[in-house]
Amino acid sequence: MVLTINVAVLLAVIIIVRLRRRTQARKRSDEQLTVVIVLVFGVLVAPTAFGQGIADVVGQLADGITDSGR
């Protein structure tokens, strides 16, 4: 039996756990580490079909907001 762990899923779990903590309890270095983890997560997810779907949805949302402002 072989157990594999998807790094993107592991980072997503770490991000959720880190963001559930109270804001007052965070140090500046702790917040910077969270930003780095989120950036690495984005790089890992971006080339996947899931990442492309999110990019499409965000792009359509941005286009809708831009069109509504005109």
PDB file of N, CA and C in Angstrom:
ATOM      1  N   MET A   1       0.842  -1.172   0.000  1.00  0.00           N
ATOM      2  CA  MET A   1       0.000   0.000   0.000  1.00  0.00           C
ATOM      3  C   MET A   1       0.896   1.247   0.000  1.00  0.00           C
ATOM      4  N   VAL A   2       0.695   2.109  -0.977  1.00  0.00           N
ATOM      5  CA  VAL A   2       1.493   3.328  -1.104  1.00  0.00           C
ATOM      6  C   VAL A   2       0.598   4.525  -0.831  1.00  0.00           C
ATOM      7  N   LEU A   3       1.072   5.397   0.039  1.00  0.00           N
ATOM      8  CA  LEU A   3       0.322   6.604   0.375  1.00  0.00           C
ATOM      9  C   LEU A   3       1.005   7.788  -0.296  1.00  0.00           C
ATOM     10  N   THR A   4       0.256   8.504  -1.115  1.00  0.00           N
ATOM     11  CA  THR A   4       0.811   9.691  -1.754  1.00  0.00           C
ATOM     12  C   THR A   4       0.085  10.921  -1.220  1.00  0.00           C
ATOM     13  N   ILE A   5       0.830  11.994  -1.091  1.00  0.00           N
ATOM     14  CA  ILE A   5       0.250  13.245  -0.603  1.00  0.00           C
ATOM     15  C   ILE A   5       0.455  14.293  -1.682  1.00  0.00           C
ATOM     16  N   ASN A   6      -0.619  14.892  -2.120  1.00  0.00           N
ATOM     17  CA  ASN A   6      -0.531  15.969  -3.082  1.00  0.00           C
ATOM     18  C   ASN A   6      -0.068  17.212  -2.326  1.00  0.00           C
ATOM     19  N   VAL A   7       1.023  17.818  -2.791  1.00  0.00           N
ATOM     20  CA  VAL A   7       1.596  18.967  -2.097  1.00  0.00           C
ATOM     21  C   VAL A   7       0.615  20.133  -2.061  1.00  0.00           C
ATOM     22  N   ALA A   8      -0.134  20.332  -3.133  1.00  0.00           N
ATOM     23  CA  ALA A   8      -1.103  21.431  -3.161  1.00  0.00           C
ATOM     24  C   ALA A   8      -2.188  21.230  -2.103  1.00  0.00           C
ATOM     25  N   VAL A   9      -2.648  20.007  -1.938  1.00  0.00           N
ATOM     26  CA  VAL A   9      -3.676  19.727  -0.925  1.00  0.00           C
ATOM     27  C   VAL A   9      -3.097  19.937   0.472  1.00  0.00           C
ATOM     28  N   LEU A  10      -1.864  19.487   0.679  1.00  0.00           N
ATOM     29  CA  LEU A  10      -1.220  19.685   1.973  1.00  0.00           C
ATOM     30  C   LEU A  10      -1.067  21.174   2.287  1.00  0.00           C
ATOM     31  N   LEU A  11      -0.649  21.960   1.311  1.00  0.00           N
ATOM     32  CA  LEU A  11      -0.523  23.406   1.529  1.00  0.00           C
ATOM     33  C   LEU A  11      -1.873  24.051   1.788  1.00  0.00           C
ATOM     34  N   ALA A  12      -2.922  23.583   1.111  1.00  0.00           N
ATOM     35  CA  ALA A  12      -4.263  24.129   1.338  1.00  0.00           C
ATOM     36  C   ALA A  12      -4.693  23.890   2.788  1.00  0.00           C
ATOM     37  N   VAL A  13      -4.409  22.707   3.312  1.00  0.00           N
ATOM     38  CA  VAL A  13      -4.748  22.403   4.701  1.00  0.00           C
ATOM     39  C   VAL A  13      -3.946  23.298   5.650  1.00  0.00           C
ATOM     40  N   ILE A  14      -2.665  23.475   5.370  1.00  0.00           N
ATOM     41  CA  ILE A  14      -1.829  24.335   6.211  1.00  0.00           C
ATOM     42  C   ILE A  14      -2.346  25.772   6.191  1.00  0.00           C
ATOM     43  N   ILE A  15      -2.737  26.254   5.010  1.00  0.00           N
ATOM     44  CA  ILE A  15      -3.260  27.625   4.897  1.00  0.00           C
ATOM     45  C   ILE A  15      -4.530  27.788   5.723  1.00  0.00           C
ATOM     46  N   ILE A  16      -5.432  26.824   5.631  1.00  0.00           N
ATOM     47  CA  ILE A  16      -6.693  26.899   6.390  1.00  0.00           C
ATOM     48  C   ILE A  16      -6.417  26.917   7.883  1.00  0.00           C
ATOM     49  N   VAL A  17      -5.509  26.069   8.341  1.00  0.00           N
ATOM     50  CA  VAL A  17      -5.186  26.015   9.771  1.00  0.00           C
ATOM     51  C   VAL A  17      -4.560  27.334  10.227  1.00  0.00           C
ATOM     52  N   ARG A  18      -3.650  27.892   9.423  1.00  0.00           N
ATOM     53  CA  ARG A  18      -2.984  29.140   9.805  1.00  0.00           C
ATOM     54  C   ARG A  18      -3.947  30.317   9.803  1.00  0.00           C
ATOM     55  N   LEU A  19      -4.898  30.347   8.878  1.00  0.00           N
ATOM     56  CA  LEU A  19      -5.817  31.484   8.799  1.00  0.00           C
ATOM     57  C   LEU A  19      -6.943  31.418   9.825  1.00  0.00           C
ATOM     58  N   ARG A  20      -7.152  30.269  10.434  1.00  0.00           N
ATOM     59  CA  ARG A  20      -8.209  30.158  11.440  1.00  0.00           C
ATOM     60  C   ARG A  20      -7.796  30.772  12.776  1.00  0.00           C
ATOM     61  N   ARG A  21      -6.498  31.003  12.960  1.00  0.00           N
ATOM     62  CA  ARG A  21      -6.028  31.599  14.208  1.00  0.00           C
ATOM     63  C   ARG A  21      -6.456  33.053  14.298  1.00  0.00           C
ATOM     64  N   ARG A  22      -6.526  33.556  15.506  1.00  0.00           N
ATOM     65  CA  ARG A  22      -6.915  34.954  15.716  1.00  0.00           C
ATOM     66  C   ARG A  22      -5.877  35.894  15.130  1.00  0.00           C
ATOM     67  N   THR A  23      -6.322  37.000  14.590  1.00  0.00           N
ATOM     68  CA  THR A  23      -5.433  37.983  13.976  1.00  0.00           C
ATOM     69  C   THR A  23      -4.503  38.603  15.006  1.00  0.00           C
ATOM     70  N   GLN A  24      -4.983  38.832  16.222  1.00  0.00           N
ATOM     71  CA  GLN A  24      -4.172  39.482  17.240  1.00  0.00           C
ATOM     72  C   GLN A  24      -2.983  38.619  17.661  1.00  0.00           C
ATOM     73  N   ALA A  25      -3.091  37.323  17.481  1.00  0.00           N
ATOM     74  CA  ALA A  25      -2.038  36.407  17.932  1.00  0.00           C
ATOM     75  C   ALA A  25      -0.914  36.262  16.911  1.00  0.00           C
ATOM     76  N   ARG A  26      -1.006  36.910  15.769  1.00  0.00           N
ATOM     77  CA  ARG A  26      -0.012  36.727  14.724  1.00  0.00           C
ATOM     78  C   ARG A  26       1.106  37.753  14.823  1.00  0.00           C
ATOM     79  N   LYS A  27       2.301  37.280  14.564  1.00  0.00           N
ATOM     80  CA  LYS A  27       3.452  38.170  14.476  1.00  0.00           C
ATOM     81  C   LYS A  27       3.667  38.524  13.014  1.00  0.00           C
ATOM     82  N   ARG A  28       4.497  39.521  12.776  1.00  0.00           N
ATOM     83  CA  ARG A  28       4.789  39.939  11.397  1.00  0.00           C
ATOM     84  C   ARG A  28       5.458  38.807  10.613  1.00  0.00           C
ATOM     85  N   SER A  29       6.380  38.117  11.229  1.00  0.00           N
ATOM     86  CA  SER A  29       7.061  37.008  10.548  1.00  0.00           C
ATOM     87  C   SER A  29       6.086  35.870  10.236  1.00  0.00           C
ATOM     88  N   ASP A  30       5.116  35.670  11.123  1.00  0.00           N
ATOM     89  CA  ASP A  30       4.097  34.645  10.911  1.00  0.00           C
ATOM     90  C   ASP A  30       3.234  34.989   9.701  1.00  0.00           C
ATOM     91  N   GLU A  31       2.862  36.262   9.571  1.00  0.00           N
ATOM     92  CA  GLU A  31       2.067  36.695   8.422  1.00  0.00           C
ATOM     93  C   GLU A  31       2.870  36.572   7.121  1.00  0.00           C
ATOM     94  N   GLN A  32       4.155  36.894   7.178  1.00  0.00           N
ATOM     95  CA  GLN A  32       4.999  36.779   5.988  1.00  0.00           C
ATOM     96  C   GLN A  32       5.123  35.320   5.551  1.00  0.00           C
ATOM     97  N   LEU A  33       5.251  34.404   6.502  1.00  0.00           N
ATOM     98  CA  LEU A  33       5.318  32.988   6.167  1.00  0.00           C
ATOM     99  C   LEU A  33       4.013  32.524   5.524  1.00  0.00           C
ATOM    100  N   THR A  34       2.878  33.009   6.021  1.00  0.00           N
ATOM    101  CA  THR A  34       1.587  32.660   5.429  1.00  0.00           C
ATOM    102  C   THR A  34       1.509  33.151   3.986  1.00  0.00           C
ATOM    103  N   VAL A  35       2.000  34.344   3.721  1.00  0.00           N
ATOM    104  CA  VAL A  35       1.996  34.880   2.356  1.00  0.00           C
ATOM    105  C   VAL A  35       2.852  34.009   1.443  1.00  0.00           C
ATOM    106  N   VAL A  36       4.010  33.589   1.904  1.00  0.00           N
ATOM    107  CA  VAL A  36       4.889  32.735   1.094  1.00  0.00           C
ATOM    108  C   VAL A  36       4.213  31.401   0.805  1.00  0.00           C
ATOM    109  N   ILE A  37       3.570  30.825   1.806  1.00  0.00           N
ATOM    110  CA  ILE A  37       2.872  29.547   1.611  1.00  0.00           C
ATOM    111  C   ILE A  37       1.751  29.703   0.596  1.00  0.00           C
ATOM    112  N   VAL A  38       1.002  30.793   0.682  1.00  0.00           N
ATOM    113  CA  VAL A  38      -0.098  31.025  -0.263  1.00  0.00           C
ATOM    114  C   VAL A  38       0.447  31.213  -1.680  1.00  0.00           C
ATOM    115  N   LEU A  39       1.566  31.916  -1.826  1.00  0.00           N
ATOM    116  CA  LEU A  39       2.163  32.097  -3.153  1.00  0.00           C
ATOM    117  C   LEU A  39       2.623  30.769  -3.750  1.00  0.00           C
ATOM    118  N   VAL A  40       3.251  29.928  -2.941  1.00  0.00           N
ATOM    119  CA  VAL A  40       3.681  28.607  -3.421  1.00  0.00           C
ATOM    120  C   VAL A  40       2.466  27.782  -3.805  1.00  0.00           C
ATOM    121  N   PHE A  41       1.409  27.855  -3.010  1.00  0.00           N
ATOM    122  CA  PHE A  41       0.166  27.145  -3.334  1.00  0.00           C
ATOM    123  C   PHE A  41      -0.381  27.602  -4.683  1.00  0.00           C
ATOM    124  N   GLY A  42      -0.376  28.913  -4.911  1.00  0.00           N
ATOM    125  CA  GLY A  42      -0.858  29.447  -6.187  1.00  0.00           C
ATOM    126  C   GLY A  42      -0.038  28.956  -7.360  1.00  0.00           C
ATOM    127  N   VAL A  43       1.277  28.884  -7.195  1.00  0.00           N
ATOM    128  CA  VAL A  43       2.144  28.393  -8.273  1.00  0.00           C
ATOM    129  C   VAL A  43       1.868  26.919  -8.554  1.00  0.00           C
ATOM    130  N   LEU A  44       1.592  26.144  -7.517  1.00  0.00           N
ATOM    131  CA  LEU A  44       1.324  24.716  -7.712  1.00  0.00           C
ATOM    132  C   LEU A  44      -0.038  24.458  -8.340  1.00  0.00           C
ATOM    133  N   VAL A  45      -1.031  25.286  -8.014  1.00  0.00           N
ATOM    134  CA  VAL A  45      -2.392  25.056  -8.492  1.00  0.00           C
ATOM    135  C   VAL A  45      -2.627  25.667  -9.874  1.00  0.00           C
ATOM    136  N   ALA A  46      -1.917  26.735 -10.205  1.00  0.00           N
ATOM    137  CA  ALA A  46      -2.171  27.475 -11.451  1.00  0.00           C
ATOM    138  C   ALA A  46      -2.157  26.624 -12.714  1.00  0.00           C
ATOM    139  N   PRO A  47      -1.195  25.728 -12.930  1.00  0.00           N
ATOM    140  CA  PRO A  47      -1.186  24.982 -14.191  1.00  0.00           C
ATOM    141  C   PRO A  47      -2.212  23.840 -14.264  1.00  0.00           C
ATOM    142  N   THR A  48      -2.918  23.556 -13.185  1.00  0.00           N
ATOM    143  CA  THR A  48      -3.889  22.468 -13.192  1.00  0.00           C
ATOM    144  C   THR A  48      -5.212  22.935 -13.796  1.00  0.00           C
ATOM    145  N   ALA A  49      -6.064  21.981 -14.111  1.00  0.00           N
ATOM    146  CA  ALA A  49      -7.386  22.301 -14.656  1.00  0.00           C
ATOM    147  C   ALA A  49      -8.199  23.099 -13.634  1.00  0.00           C
ATOM    148  N   PHE A  50      -8.065  22.761 -12.369  1.00  0.00           N
ATOM    149  CA  PHE A  50      -8.763  23.495 -11.307  1.00  0.00           C
ATOM    150  C   PHE A  50      -8.293  24.941 -11.267  1.00  0.00           C
ATOM    151  N   GLY A  51      -6.993  25.143 -11.348  1.00  0.00           N
ATOM    152  CA  GLY A  51      -6.439  26.498 -11.346  1.00  0.00           C
ATOM    153  C   GLY A  51      -6.877  27.307 -12.548  1.00  0.00           C
ATOM    154  N   GLN A  52      -6.937  26.670 -13.718  1.00  0.00           N
ATOM    155  CA  GLN A  52      -7.389  27.357 -14.926  1.00  0.00           C
ATOM    156  C   GLN A  52      -8.859  27.735 -14.811  1.00  0.00           C
ATOM    157  N   GLY A  53      -9.650  26.865 -14.204  1.00  0.00           N
ATOM    158  CA  GLY A  53     -11.071  27.173 -13.993  1.00  0.00           C
ATOM    159  C   GLY A  53     -11.254  28.375 -13.085  1.00  0.00           C
ATOM    160  N   ILE A  54     -10.465  28.430 -12.007  1.00  0.00           N
ATOM    161  CA  ILE A  54     -10.532  29.577 -11.101  1.00  0.00           C
ATOM    162  C   ILE A  54     -10.120  30.846 -11.831  1.00  0.00           C
ATOM    163  N   ALA A  55      -9.057  30.776 -12.638  1.00  0.00           N
ATOM    164  CA  ALA A  55      -8.596  31.945 -13.385  1.00  0.00           C
ATOM    165  C   ALA A  55      -9.673  32.428 -14.351  1.00  0.00           C
ATOM    166  N   ASP A  56     -10.375  31.490 -15.000  1.00  0.00           N
ATOM    167  CA  ASP A  56     -11.450  31.867 -15.922  1.00  0.00           C
ATOM    168  C   ASP A  56     -12.598  32.567 -15.187  1.00  0.00           C
ATOM    169  N   VAL A  57     -12.985  32.024 -14.047  1.00  0.00           N
ATOM    170  CA  VAL A  57     -14.080  32.613 -13.273  1.00  0.00           C
ATOM    171  C   VAL A  57     -13.708  34.015 -12.792  1.00  0.00           C
ATOM    172  N   VAL A  58     -12.492  34.161 -12.281  1.00  0.00           N
ATOM    173  CA  VAL A  58     -12.053  35.476 -11.798  1.00  0.00           C
ATOM    174  C   VAL A  58     -11.964  36.460 -12.971  1.00  0.00           C
ATOM    175  N   GLY A  59     -11.489  35.993 -14.128  1.00  0.00           N
ATOM    176  CA  GLY A  59     -11.423  36.851 -15.310  1.00  0.00           C
ATOM    177  C   GLY A  59     -12.794  37.312 -15.762  1.00  0.00           C
ATOM    178  N   GLN A  60     -13.766  36.403 -15.765  1.00  0.00           N
ATOM    179  CA  GLN A  60     -15.121  36.769 -16.149  1.00  0.00           C
ATOM    180  C   GLN A  60     -15.733  37.754 -15.145  1.00  0.00           C
ATOM    181  N   LEU A  61     -15.450  37.531 -13.864  1.00  0.00           N
ATOM    182  CA  LEU A  61     -15.949  38.436 -12.837  1.00  0.00           C
ATOM    183  C   LEU A  61     -15.352  39.822 -13.020  1.00  0.00           C
ATOM    184  N   ALA A  62     -14.059  39.884 -13.300  1.00  0.00           N
ATOM    185  CA  ALA A  62     -13.405  41.181 -13.509  1.00  0.00           C
ATOM    186  C   ALA A  62     -13.953  41.870 -14.752  1.00  0.00           C
ATOM    187  N   ASP A  63     -14.192  41.105 -15.816  1.00  0.00           N
ATOM    188  CA  ASP A  63     -14.775  41.690 -17.034  1.00  0.00           C
ATOM    189  C   ASP A  63     -16.172  42.234 -16.753  1.00  0.00           C
ATOM    190  N   GLY A  64     -16.961  41.492 -15.963  1.00  0.00           N
ATOM    191  CA  GLY A  64     -18.302  41.940 -15.625  1.00  0.00           C
ATOM    192  C   GLY A  64     -18.279  43.236 -14.825  1.00  0.00           C
ATOM    193  N   ILE A  65     -17.356  43.321 -13.883  1.00  0.00           N
ATOM    194  CA  ILE A  65     -17.242  44.532 -13.073  1.00  0.00           C
ATOM    195  C   ILE A  65     -16.798  45.701 -13.938  1.00  0.00           C
ATOM    196  N   THR A  66     -15.859  45.463 -14.857  1.00  0.00           N
ATOM    197  CA  THR A  66     -15.388  46.516 -15.747  1.00  0.00           C
ATOM    198  C   THR A  66     -16.501  47.000 -16.660  1.00  0.00           C
ATOM    199  N   ASP A  67     -17.268  46.052 -17.211  1.00  0.00           N
ATOM    200  CA  ASP A  67     -18.379  46.414 -18.114  1.00  0.00           C
ATOM    201  C   ASP A  67     -19.477  47.176 -17.374  1.00  0.00           C
ATOM    202  N   SER A  68     -19.729  46.828 -16.123  1.00  0.00           N
ATOM    203  CA  SER A  68     -20.787  47.509 -15.379  1.00  0.00           C
ATOM    204  C   SER A  68     -20.387  48.944 -15.029  1.00  0.00           C
ATOM    205  N   GLY A  69     -19.097  49.224 -15.001  1.00  0.00           N
ATOM    206  CA  GLY A  69     -18.642  50.578 -14.698  1.00  0.00           C
ATOM    207  C   GLY A  69     -18.741  51.509 -15.875  1.00  0.00           C
ATOM    208  N   ARG A  70     -18.942  50.981 -17.071  1.00  0.00           N
ATOM    209  CA  ARG A  70     -19.008  51.824 -18.273  1.00  0.00           C
ATOM    210  C   ARG A  70     -20.384  52.336 -18.533  1.00  0.00           C
TER     211      ARG A  70
END
